[in-house]
């Protein structure tokens, strides 16, 4: 994406903070509503959207947004 090593390391923090918030909130809501499967499907679709954004674009801003979607969707698979 063309960033320095230090900047790219710092830029990896916000997507994982957002993914942590998504994982905790989705787990809480899924447990409260007793519908874990629908949340899993929804977040898998979010991850797919993120990976498509990463694959299909060469613009750094679009790729960075794709990282947010991919991280938010993928971390829920392991919850």
N, C-alpha and C. Protein backbone atom coordinates (compact mmCIF):
# COMPACT_ATOMS: atom_id res chain seq x y z
N UNK A 1 0.81 -1.19 0.00
CA UNK A 1 0.00 0.00 0.00
C UNK A 1 0.86 1.26 0.00
N UNK A 2 2.15 1.11 0.15
CA UNK A 2 3.04 2.24 0.01
C UNK A 2 3.36 3.01 1.28
N UNK A 3 3.09 2.46 2.44
CA UNK A 3 3.36 3.16 3.69
C UNK A 3 4.69 2.70 4.27
N UNK A 4 5.26 3.51 5.16
CA UNK A 4 6.49 3.11 5.84
C UNK A 4 6.17 1.99 6.83
N UNK A 5 7.21 1.32 7.29
CA UNK A 5 7.00 0.21 8.23
C UNK A 5 6.32 0.67 9.51
N UNK A 6 6.75 1.80 10.05
CA UNK A 6 6.18 2.30 11.30
C UNK A 6 4.71 2.67 11.12
N UNK A 7 4.41 3.37 10.04
CA UNK A 7 3.03 3.80 9.81
C UNK A 7 2.12 2.60 9.55
N UNK A 8 2.61 1.62 8.80
CA UNK A 8 1.77 0.45 8.53
C UNK A 8 1.51 -0.35 9.80
N UNK A 9 2.48 -0.42 10.72
CA UNK A 9 2.26 -1.09 12.00
C UNK A 9 1.20 -0.36 12.82
N UNK A 10 1.26 0.96 12.83
CA UNK A 10 0.26 1.74 13.56
C UNK A 10 -1.11 1.65 12.92
N UNK A 11 -1.15 1.54 11.60
CA UNK A 11 -2.43 1.45 10.90
C UNK A 11 -3.10 0.09 11.07
N UNK A 12 -2.38 -0.89 11.58
CA UNK A 12 -2.99 -2.21 11.81
C UNK A 12 -3.79 -2.25 13.11
N UNK A 13 -3.64 -1.26 13.97
CA UNK A 13 -4.35 -1.26 15.24
C UNK A 13 -5.85 -0.96 15.09
N UNK A 14 -6.25 0.11 14.39
CA UNK A 14 -7.69 0.43 14.33
C UNK A 14 -8.59 -0.68 13.76
N UNK A 15 -8.17 -1.40 12.71
CA UNK A 15 -9.06 -2.48 12.24
C UNK A 15 -9.30 -3.56 13.31
N UNK A 16 -8.30 -3.87 14.09
CA UNK A 16 -8.47 -4.91 15.10
C UNK A 16 -9.23 -4.40 16.32
N UNK A 17 -9.16 -3.11 16.61
CA UNK A 17 -10.00 -2.54 17.66
C UNK A 17 -11.47 -2.60 17.22
N UNK A 18 -11.72 -2.22 15.97
CA UNK A 18 -13.09 -2.30 15.44
C UNK A 18 -13.58 -3.74 15.43
N UNK A 19 -12.70 -4.68 15.06
CA UNK A 19 -13.08 -6.09 15.04
C UNK A 19 -13.39 -6.59 16.44
N UNK A 20 -12.65 -6.12 17.43
CA UNK A 20 -12.91 -6.52 18.82
C UNK A 20 -14.28 -6.02 19.26
N UNK A 21 -14.61 -4.79 18.93
CA UNK A 21 -15.92 -4.23 19.28
C UNK A 21 -17.03 -5.02 18.58
N UNK A 22 -16.83 -5.33 17.30
CA UNK A 22 -17.83 -6.11 16.55
C UNK A 22 -18.01 -7.50 17.16
N UNK A 23 -16.92 -8.14 17.52
CA UNK A 23 -16.99 -9.49 18.07
C UNK A 23 -17.73 -9.51 19.40
N UNK A 24 -17.41 -8.56 20.27
CA UNK A 24 -18.06 -8.51 21.58
C UNK A 24 -19.54 -8.17 21.43
N UNK A 25 -19.84 -7.18 20.60
CA UNK A 25 -21.25 -6.78 20.45
C UNK A 25 -22.07 -7.86 19.76
N UNK A 26 -21.52 -8.50 18.74
CA UNK A 26 -22.25 -9.56 18.06
C UNK A 26 -22.45 -10.76 18.98
N UNK A 27 -21.44 -11.10 19.75
CA UNK A 27 -21.59 -12.20 20.70
C UNK A 27 -22.65 -11.91 21.75
N UNK A 28 -22.66 -10.69 22.24
CA UNK A 28 -23.66 -10.29 23.23
C UNK A 28 -25.07 -10.34 22.64
N UNK A 29 -25.23 -9.76 21.44
CA UNK A 29 -26.55 -9.73 20.81
C UNK A 29 -27.02 -11.13 20.41
N UNK A 30 -26.11 -11.94 19.89
CA UNK A 30 -26.48 -13.29 19.49
C UNK A 30 -26.90 -14.12 20.70
N UNK A 31 -26.20 -13.94 21.81
CA UNK A 31 -26.56 -14.67 23.03
C UNK A 31 -27.89 -14.18 23.58
N UNK A 32 -28.10 -12.90 23.51
CA UNK A 32 -29.34 -12.33 24.04
C UNK A 32 -30.56 -12.76 23.21
N UNK A 33 -30.38 -12.84 21.89
CA UNK A 33 -31.49 -13.21 21.02
C UNK A 33 -31.56 -14.71 20.75
N UNK A 34 -30.56 -15.45 21.21
CA UNK A 34 -30.48 -16.91 20.99
C UNK A 34 -30.50 -17.26 19.50
N UNK A 35 -29.81 -16.45 18.69
CA UNK A 35 -29.73 -16.68 17.24
C UNK A 35 -28.30 -16.48 16.77
N UNK A 36 -27.43 -17.38 17.14
CA UNK A 36 -26.02 -17.23 16.80
C UNK A 36 -25.76 -17.44 15.30
N UNK A 37 -26.49 -18.35 14.69
CA UNK A 37 -26.27 -18.70 13.29
C UNK A 37 -26.46 -17.53 12.34
N UNK A 38 -27.49 -16.75 12.56
CA UNK A 38 -27.77 -15.62 11.66
C UNK A 38 -26.67 -14.57 11.79
N UNK A 39 -26.12 -14.40 12.97
CA UNK A 39 -25.01 -13.47 13.16
C UNK A 39 -23.75 -13.99 12.47
N UNK A 40 -23.53 -15.28 12.54
CA UNK A 40 -22.38 -15.87 11.85
C UNK A 40 -22.47 -15.66 10.35
N UNK A 41 -23.65 -15.89 9.79
CA UNK A 41 -23.85 -15.69 8.36
C UNK A 41 -23.63 -14.23 7.99
N UNK A 42 -24.18 -13.33 8.79
CA UNK A 42 -24.04 -11.90 8.52
C UNK A 42 -22.59 -11.45 8.55
N UNK A 43 -21.84 -11.89 9.55
CA UNK A 43 -20.45 -11.48 9.64
C UNK A 43 -19.57 -12.18 8.61
N UNK A 44 -19.95 -13.36 8.18
CA UNK A 44 -19.23 -14.00 7.07
C UNK A 44 -19.40 -13.18 5.79
N UNK A 45 -20.61 -12.66 5.58
CA UNK A 45 -20.84 -11.79 4.42
C UNK A 45 -20.04 -10.50 4.52
N UNK A 46 -19.92 -9.96 5.73
CA UNK A 46 -19.10 -8.76 5.93
C UNK A 46 -17.64 -9.06 5.58
N UNK A 47 -17.15 -10.21 6.00
CA UNK A 47 -15.77 -10.59 5.68
C UNK A 47 -15.58 -10.77 4.18
N UNK A 48 -16.54 -11.37 3.52
CA UNK A 48 -16.45 -11.56 2.07
C UNK A 48 -16.40 -10.21 1.37
N UNK A 49 -17.22 -9.27 1.81
CA UNK A 49 -17.20 -7.92 1.22
C UNK A 49 -15.83 -7.30 1.40
N UNK A 50 -15.25 -7.44 2.57
CA UNK A 50 -13.92 -6.89 2.82
C UNK A 50 -12.86 -7.52 1.94
N UNK A 51 -12.89 -8.83 1.79
CA UNK A 51 -11.89 -9.50 0.95
C UNK A 51 -12.07 -9.14 -0.52
N UNK A 52 -13.29 -8.97 -0.96
CA UNK A 52 -13.54 -8.54 -2.35
C UNK A 52 -12.98 -7.13 -2.56
N UNK A 53 -13.17 -6.27 -1.58
CA UNK A 53 -12.61 -4.92 -1.68
C UNK A 53 -11.09 -4.96 -1.77
N UNK A 54 -10.47 -5.84 -1.01
CA UNK A 54 -9.02 -5.96 -1.04
C UNK A 54 -8.52 -6.50 -2.38
N UNK A 55 -9.22 -7.47 -2.91
CA UNK A 55 -8.78 -8.09 -4.17
C UNK A 55 -9.04 -7.19 -5.37
N UNK A 56 -10.16 -6.51 -5.37
CA UNK A 56 -10.59 -5.82 -6.59
C UNK A 56 -10.05 -4.40 -6.76
N UNK A 57 -9.48 -3.82 -5.72
CA UNK A 57 -9.07 -2.42 -5.83
C UNK A 57 -7.56 -2.28 -5.63
N UNK A 58 -7.01 -1.27 -6.28
CA UNK A 58 -5.60 -0.94 -6.10
C UNK A 58 -5.44 0.38 -5.37
N UNK A 59 -6.56 0.97 -4.93
CA UNK A 59 -6.52 2.24 -4.20
C UNK A 59 -6.30 1.95 -2.72
N UNK A 60 -5.31 2.59 -2.12
CA UNK A 60 -5.01 2.31 -0.70
C UNK A 60 -6.19 2.58 0.24
N UNK A 61 -6.96 3.63 0.00
CA UNK A 61 -8.07 3.94 0.90
C UNK A 61 -9.15 2.85 0.84
N UNK A 62 -9.43 2.36 -0.35
CA UNK A 62 -10.42 1.29 -0.50
C UNK A 62 -9.90 0.00 0.13
N UNK A 63 -8.63 -0.29 -0.05
CA UNK A 63 -8.06 -1.48 0.56
C UNK A 63 -8.08 -1.41 2.08
N UNK A 64 -7.80 -0.22 2.61
CA UNK A 64 -7.82 -0.06 4.06
C UNK A 64 -9.24 -0.24 4.61
N UNK A 65 -10.23 0.26 3.90
CA UNK A 65 -11.62 0.03 4.31
C UNK A 65 -11.94 -1.46 4.24
N UNK A 66 -11.42 -2.14 3.22
CA UNK A 66 -11.62 -3.58 3.10
C UNK A 66 -11.01 -4.34 4.26
N UNK A 67 -9.89 -3.86 4.77
CA UNK A 67 -9.26 -4.49 5.93
C UNK A 67 -10.18 -4.41 7.15
N UNK A 68 -10.86 -3.27 7.32
CA UNK A 68 -11.81 -3.14 8.42
C UNK A 68 -12.93 -4.17 8.30
N UNK A 69 -13.52 -4.26 7.10
CA UNK A 69 -14.61 -5.22 6.91
C UNK A 69 -14.13 -6.65 7.09
N UNK A 70 -12.98 -6.97 6.51
CA UNK A 70 -12.46 -8.34 6.62
C UNK A 70 -12.15 -8.71 8.06
N UNK A 71 -11.54 -7.80 8.80
CA UNK A 71 -11.19 -8.08 10.20
C UNK A 71 -12.45 -8.20 11.05
N UNK A 72 -13.42 -7.33 10.83
CA UNK A 72 -14.65 -7.39 11.63
C UNK A 72 -15.42 -8.68 11.36
N UNK A 73 -15.45 -9.12 10.13
CA UNK A 73 -16.17 -10.35 9.81
C UNK A 73 -15.43 -11.60 10.17
N UNK A 74 -14.12 -11.60 10.00
CA UNK A 74 -13.35 -12.81 10.21
C UNK A 74 -13.15 -13.14 11.68
N UNK A 75 -12.98 -12.15 12.52
CA UNK A 75 -12.76 -12.45 13.94
C UNK A 75 -13.96 -13.12 14.59
N UNK A 76 -15.13 -12.90 14.07
CA UNK A 76 -16.31 -13.52 14.66
C UNK A 76 -16.31 -15.03 14.41
N UNK A 77 -15.60 -15.49 13.36
CA UNK A 77 -15.53 -16.93 13.11
C UNK A 77 -14.91 -17.66 14.28
N UNK A 78 -14.03 -16.99 15.00
CA UNK A 78 -13.30 -17.66 16.09
C UNK A 78 -13.93 -17.42 17.45
N UNK A 79 -15.03 -16.67 17.49
CA UNK A 79 -15.65 -16.36 18.78
C UNK A 79 -16.45 -17.55 19.29
